[in-house]
Amino acid sequence: MIMNNPIKTIYKNKIVAVLRTESAKEAIEKANALIAGGINVIEITTEKPQVVDAVLELHKNTSATILAGGIITSMEAQEAINKGADIIVSPVFQLNMLKFCASNKVPHIATVSTPNEAYNAWKSRIPIIKLFPAKSMGQVEYLEDILRPMPFLQLMPSGGITIEDYTKYLDAGAVAVGIGRSLYKDANLKEITERAKFAVSQLKINP
């Protein structure tokens, strides 16, 4: 990973590429294409058990920070940690997962959809709270509505966000943004790298 604290790495890089694939091989290839384009924080979703093997291979790249996403059970979390995951990401907010990750000294990102869930996650000292699905819930305006009364929340919106519009979420107060299919859908590896370069370039235009 780039820094000793992977959470600080997310704050610094602003973009988390969210990869959902059918195989570990596909995840590794696409992740490496994204890294070549300058995106160094990658969330590998692990709903399909075989994909978690990608975490082990990608962890060897010391310039990358690898998140294991879609983690619901402590057994899944333990396997991801064993394979070198820098951060565990759960699609829900559950105290048991928070405690498990804390006991293993691995940062945990929980996912929420409502202001009440976001507040409870913050109160539990979760360092970054994933807001999903951002597009379906109201896009940038929904993020603004949550942050207006609770500007202290460290929110990372994800879900339906594109490489063309993600900086709007940062401007609205997000600490980082999760970008998924916009980076890799219907694209070969070279095109994925170019999309990553474009996404990173937007940070320079809209710092």
Protein backbone atom coordinates (compact mmCIF):
# COMPACT_ATOMS: atom_id res chain seq x y z
CA MET A 1 0.00 0.00 0.00
CA ILE A 2 1.07 3.59 -0.48
CA MET A 3 0.86 4.71 3.15
CA ASN A 4 0.91 2.95 6.53
CA ASN A 5 -2.74 3.87 7.02
CA PRO A 6 -4.91 2.66 4.12
CA ILE A 7 -7.78 4.92 5.19
CA LYS A 8 -5.50 7.95 4.71
CA THR A 9 -4.64 6.54 1.30
CA ILE A 10 -8.31 6.76 0.34
CA TYR A 11 -8.50 10.35 1.59
CA LYS A 12 -5.47 11.19 -0.52
CA ASN A 13 -6.44 9.39 -3.74
CA LYS A 14 -10.17 10.25 -3.68
CA ILE A 15 -11.07 7.50 -6.18
CA VAL A 16 -11.88 3.92 -5.23
CA ALA A 17 -12.36 1.68 -8.25
CA VAL A 18 -15.02 -0.92 -7.50
CA LEU A 19 -14.52 -4.12 -9.51
CA ARG A 20 -17.25 -6.74 -9.79
CA THR A 21 -16.07 -9.67 -11.93
CA GLU A 22 -16.76 -13.34 -12.60
CA SER A 23 -13.25 -14.61 -11.83
CA ALA A 24 -10.06 -13.78 -9.99
CA LYS A 25 -8.17 -13.67 -13.30
CA GLU A 26 -10.54 -11.05 -14.71
CA ALA A 27 -10.30 -9.02 -11.50
CA ILE A 28 -6.49 -9.08 -11.56
CA GLU A 29 -6.29 -8.05 -15.21
CA LYS A 30 -8.75 -5.18 -14.84
CA ALA A 31 -7.23 -4.03 -11.56
CA ASN A 32 -3.77 -3.91 -13.11
CA ALA A 33 -5.16 -1.94 -16.05
CA LEU A 34 -6.65 0.57 -13.59
CA ILE A 35 -3.40 0.80 -11.65
CA ALA A 36 -1.56 1.47 -14.91
CA GLY A 37 -3.93 4.40 -15.41
CA GLY A 38 -3.19 5.88 -12.00
CA ILE A 39 -5.98 4.51 -9.82
CA ASN A 40 -4.26 2.77 -6.94
CA VAL A 41 -7.16 2.03 -4.60
CA ILE A 42 -9.16 -0.98 -5.76
CA GLU A 43 -12.17 -2.64 -4.16
CA ILE A 44 -12.55 -6.25 -5.26
CA THR A 45 -16.12 -7.36 -4.60
CA THR A 46 -16.18 -10.96 -3.43
CA GLU A 47 -19.78 -12.11 -3.76
CA LYS A 48 -18.36 -14.92 -5.87
CA PRO A 49 -16.00 -16.81 -3.51
CA GLN A 50 -13.39 -17.55 -6.18
CA VAL A 51 -12.77 -13.84 -6.77
CA VAL A 52 -11.18 -13.35 -3.34
CA ASP A 53 -8.04 -15.03 -4.70
CA ALA A 54 -7.44 -11.82 -6.66
CA VAL A 55 -6.77 -10.02 -3.38
CA LEU A 56 -3.76 -12.23 -2.72
CA GLU A 57 -2.19 -11.51 -6.11
CA LEU A 58 -2.94 -7.78 -6.12
CA HIS A 59 -1.63 -7.41 -2.58
CA LYS A 60 1.84 -8.10 -3.97
CA ASN A 61 1.74 -4.72 -5.72
CA THR A 62 3.08 -2.40 -3.05
CA SER A 63 1.81 0.70 -4.88
CA ALA A 64 -1.82 -0.45 -4.55
CA THR A 65 -4.30 -0.48 -1.68
CA ILE A 66 -6.70 -3.41 -2.00
CA LEU A 67 -10.14 -3.48 -0.41
CA ALA A 68 -12.18 -6.67 -0.12
CA GLY A 69 -15.82 -5.75 -0.75
CA GLY A 70 -19.13 -7.54 -0.34
CA ILE A 71 -18.00 -9.03 2.98
CA ILE A 72 -20.88 -10.06 5.26
CA THR A 73 -19.61 -12.83 7.55
CA SER A 74 -16.59 -13.03 9.81
CA MET A 75 -15.50 -16.15 7.90
CA GLU A 76 -15.42 -14.14 4.65
CA ALA A 77 -13.58 -11.33 6.40
CA GLN A 78 -10.98 -13.71 7.83
CA GLU A 79 -10.27 -15.22 4.42
CA ALA A 80 -9.87 -11.78 2.85
CA ILE A 81 -7.55 -10.70 5.67
CA ASN A 82 -5.52 -13.87 5.25
CA LYS A 83 -5.08 -13.02 1.58
CA GLY A 84 -3.81 -9.54 2.42
CA ALA A 85 -6.83 -7.23 2.16
CA ASP A 86 -5.92 -3.76 3.43
CA ILE A 87 -9.54 -2.85 4.24
CA ILE A 88 -12.75 -4.87 4.67
CA VAL A 89 -15.88 -3.39 3.08
CA SER A 90 -19.32 -4.66 4.04
CA PRO A 91 -22.50 -3.94 2.03
CA VAL A 92 -24.32 -3.31 5.33
CA PHE A 93 -23.59 -1.79 8.74
CA GLN A 94 -23.19 -4.39 11.46
CA LEU A 95 -21.42 -4.01 14.79
CA ASN A 96 -20.16 -7.60 14.76
CA MET A 97 -18.14 -6.95 11.60
CA LEU A 98 -16.76 -3.74 13.08
CA LYS A 99 -15.63 -5.59 16.21
CA PHE A 100 -14.15 -8.44 14.18
CA CYS A 101 -12.09 -6.11 12.02
CA ALA A 102 -10.97 -4.12 15.06
CA SER A 103 -9.78 -7.31 16.75
CA ASN A 104 -7.77 -8.12 13.62
CA LYS A 105 -6.43 -4.55 13.34
CA VAL A 106 -7.84 -4.16 9.83
CA PRO A 107 -9.85 -1.01 8.93
CA HIS A 108 -13.52 -1.50 8.19
CA ILE A 109 -15.81 0.46 5.86
CA ALA A 110 -19.54 -0.09 6.33
CA THR A 111 -22.24 0.69 3.79
CA VAL A 112 -25.36 2.72 4.57
CA SER A 113 -28.29 4.17 2.67
CA THR A 114 -30.04 6.47 5.16
CA PRO A 115 -29.04 9.39 7.41
CA ASN A 116 -29.85 7.36 10.52
CA GLU A 117 -27.60 4.48 9.40
CA ALA A 118 -24.84 6.94 8.53
CA TYR A 119 -25.03 8.57 11.95
CA ASN A 120 -24.94 5.23 13.75
CA ALA A 121 -21.92 4.15 11.70
CA TRP A 122 -20.15 7.41 12.52
CA LYS A 123 -21.01 7.04 16.21
CA SER A 124 -19.39 3.59 16.05
CA ARG A 125 -16.20 5.30 14.79
CA ILE A 126 -16.18 3.78 11.34
CA PRO A 127 -13.59 5.98 9.57
CA ILE A 128 -15.22 6.09 6.11
CA ILE A 129 -18.88 5.33 5.47
CA LYS A 130 -19.90 4.07 2.05
CA LEU A 131 -23.17 5.63 0.83
CA PHE A 132 -24.89 3.24 -1.58
CA PRO A 133 -26.65 3.31 -4.00
CA ALA A 134 -25.86 6.97 -4.53
CA LYS A 135 -27.52 7.36 -7.93
CA SER A 136 -30.75 5.61 -6.97
CA MET A 137 -31.04 7.53 -3.70
CA GLY A 138 -30.86 10.95 -5.33
CA GLN A 139 -27.32 11.48 -6.56
CA VAL A 140 -25.39 14.58 -5.43
CA GLU A 141 -28.48 16.19 -3.92
CA TYR A 142 -28.97 13.24 -1.57
CA LEU A 143 -25.38 13.49 -0.36
CA GLU A 144 -25.86 17.22 0.23
CA ASP A 145 -29.09 16.58 2.13
CA ILE A 146 -27.33 14.17 4.50
CA LEU A 147 -24.27 16.34 5.02
CA ARG A 148 -26.19 19.57 5.60
CA PRO A 149 -27.18 18.70 9.19
CA MET A 150 -24.23 16.32 9.72
CA PRO A 151 -21.17 17.80 7.98
CA PHE A 152 -18.87 15.70 10.18
CA LEU A 153 -19.77 12.48 8.34
CA GLN A 154 -16.96 10.97 6.26
CA LEU A 155 -19.03 9.72 3.33
CA MET A 156 -17.89 7.85 0.23
CA PRO A 157 -20.80 7.69 -2.24
CA SER A 158 -20.87 4.77 -4.67
CA GLY A 159 -23.30 3.25 -7.13
CA GLY A 160 -24.03 4.59 -10.60
CA ILE A 161 -21.33 7.27 -10.41
CA THR A 162 -19.39 7.90 -13.61
CA ILE A 163 -15.91 9.08 -14.48
CA GLU A 164 -17.52 12.21 -15.95
CA ASP A 165 -19.55 13.27 -12.90
CA TYR A 166 -17.77 11.95 -9.81
CA THR A 167 -16.02 15.23 -8.93
CA LYS A 168 -19.46 16.75 -8.24
CA TYR A 169 -19.71 14.46 -5.23
CA LEU A 170 -16.30 15.58 -3.99
CA ASP A 171 -17.35 19.20 -4.42
CA ALA A 172 -20.46 18.42 -2.36
CA GLY A 173 -18.41 17.14 0.56
CA ALA A 174 -17.62 13.48 -0.09
CA VAL A 175 -14.19 12.41 1.20
CA ALA A 176 -13.85 9.95 -1.70
CA VAL A 177 -15.96 8.34 -4.41
CA GLY A 178 -16.49 4.75 -5.48
CA ILE A 179 -16.59 4.32 -9.26
CA GLY A 180 -17.58 1.00 -10.76
CA ARG A 181 -18.76 0.02 -14.21
CA SER A 182 -18.03 3.42 -15.72
CA LEU A 183 -14.36 2.47 -15.50
CA TYR A 184 -14.52 -0.90 -17.20
CA LYS A 185 -17.90 -1.80 -18.76
CA ASP A 186 -17.61 -2.82 -22.44
CA ALA A 187 -13.90 -1.91 -22.44
CA ASN A 188 -10.73 -3.82 -23.18
CA LEU A 189 -7.73 -3.51 -20.89
CA LYS A 190 -6.18 -0.65 -22.84
CA GLU A 191 -9.46 1.26 -22.75
CA ILE A 192 -9.76 0.65 -19.00
CA THR A 193 -6.34 2.22 -18.50
CA GLU A 194 -7.39 5.22 -20.60
CA ARG A 195 -10.59 5.63 -18.60
CA ALA A 196 -8.58 5.52 -15.39
CA LYS A 197 -6.22 8.19 -16.71
CA PHE A 198 -9.21 10.36 -17.64
CA ALA A 199 -10.74 9.94 -14.17
CA VAL A 200 -7.48 10.89 -12.46
CA SER A 201 -7.08 13.88 -14.77
CA GLN A 202 -10.40 15.26 -13.53
CA LEU A 203 -8.91 15.63 -10.05
CA LYS A 204 -6.28 17.98 -11.48
CA ILE A 205 -8.92 20.01 -13.28
CA ASN A 206 -11.24 20.01 -10.24
CA PRO A 207 -8.91 19.69 -7.23
